[in-house]
Amino acid sequence: MTTFSYSITDLSHYESDLIEVTWESDDEAVSFGNDIAREMLERMPELARRGWSVSVYDSRRRLVSVVPIGAVS
């Protein structure tokens, strides 16, 4: 099991506090990042064109994935 961290970011000026979740694999962590992005887009469709993303980091705070909120379906 690995602890992954997630944040909401505009990739330049803002990054939210990190939340941590434990998963078996990078694939599960990225899938959860997609779920976060999809839910945010459903609740706040205005984020689709604003360049916001969900960043996924591994336990060493290395970037695993960036999920653009406007690109999920």
Protein backbone atom coordinates (compact mmCIF):
# COMPACT_ATOMS: atom_id res chain seq x y z
CA MET A 1 0.00 0.00 0.00
CA THR A 2 1.25 3.47 -0.88
CA THR A 3 0.01 6.81 0.37
CA PHE A 4 -0.76 9.26 -2.42
CA SER A 5 -1.52 12.96 -2.08
CA TYR A 6 -3.96 15.04 -4.09
CA SER A 7 -4.31 18.77 -4.60
CA ILE A 8 -6.34 21.13 -6.72
CA THR A 9 -4.13 23.54 -8.65
CA ASP A 10 -4.04 26.08 -11.43
CA LEU A 11 -0.43 24.90 -12.07
CA SER A 12 1.01 28.37 -11.60
CA HIS A 13 -0.22 30.37 -8.60
CA TYR A 14 -2.48 28.23 -6.46
CA GLU A 15 -2.33 24.77 -4.92
CA SER A 16 -4.79 23.55 -2.29
CA ASP A 17 -3.82 21.74 0.87
CA LEU A 18 -2.95 18.11 0.17
CA ILE A 19 -5.26 15.26 1.04
CA GLU A 20 -3.80 11.79 1.50
CA VAL A 21 -5.32 8.46 0.43
CA THR A 22 -3.77 4.98 0.46
CA TRP A 23 -3.91 2.81 -2.69
CA GLU A 24 -2.33 -0.38 -4.00
CA SER A 25 -1.03 1.12 -7.25
CA ASP A 26 -0.39 4.26 -9.28
CA ASP A 27 -3.29 3.28 -11.54
CA GLU A 28 -5.74 3.31 -8.62
CA ALA A 29 -4.37 6.67 -7.49
CA VAL A 30 -4.76 8.22 -10.94
CA SER A 31 -8.25 6.76 -11.29
CA PHE A 32 -9.23 8.43 -8.02
CA GLY A 33 -7.75 11.70 -9.33
CA ASN A 34 -10.01 11.37 -12.37
CA ASP A 35 -12.99 10.75 -10.08
CA ILE A 36 -12.19 13.93 -8.12
CA ALA A 37 -11.89 15.96 -11.33
CA ARG A 38 -15.14 14.53 -12.73
CA GLU A 39 -17.06 15.30 -9.53
CA MET A 40 -15.69 18.84 -9.39
CA LEU A 41 -16.69 19.41 -13.01
CA GLU A 42 -20.21 18.11 -12.35
CA ARG A 43 -20.62 20.41 -9.34
CA MET A 44 -18.85 23.44 -10.87
CA PRO A 45 -19.00 23.29 -14.69
CA GLU A 46 -17.48 26.77 -14.89
CA LEU A 47 -14.11 25.16 -14.03
CA ALA A 48 -13.99 23.48 -17.46
CA ARG A 49 -12.25 26.38 -19.18
CA ARG A 50 -10.23 27.84 -16.33
CA GLY A 51 -7.17 25.59 -16.42
CA TRP A 52 -7.66 23.88 -13.05
CA SER A 53 -6.27 20.39 -12.48
CA VAL A 54 -6.02 17.66 -9.89
CA SER A 55 -2.37 16.81 -9.13
CA VAL A 56 -1.50 13.35 -7.86
CA TYR A 57 1.74 12.80 -5.90
CA ASP A 58 3.35 9.63 -4.57
CA SER A 59 4.61 9.17 -1.01
CA ARG A 60 7.85 11.01 -1.85
CA ARG A 61 5.84 13.94 -3.25
CA ARG A 62 6.87 13.11 -6.82
CA LEU A 63 4.25 14.01 -9.39
CA VAL A 64 2.42 10.93 -10.67
CA SER A 65 -0.27 12.60 -12.77
CA VAL A 66 -2.00 15.87 -13.59
CA VAL A 67 -5.70 15.51 -14.41
CA PRO A 68 -7.14 18.60 -16.15
CA ILE A 69 -10.61 19.18 -14.71
CA GLY A 70 -12.01 20.27 -18.08
CA ALA A 71 -10.73 17.13 -19.87
CA VAL A 72 -12.59 14.43 -17.91
CA SER A 73 -15.86 13.00 -19.10
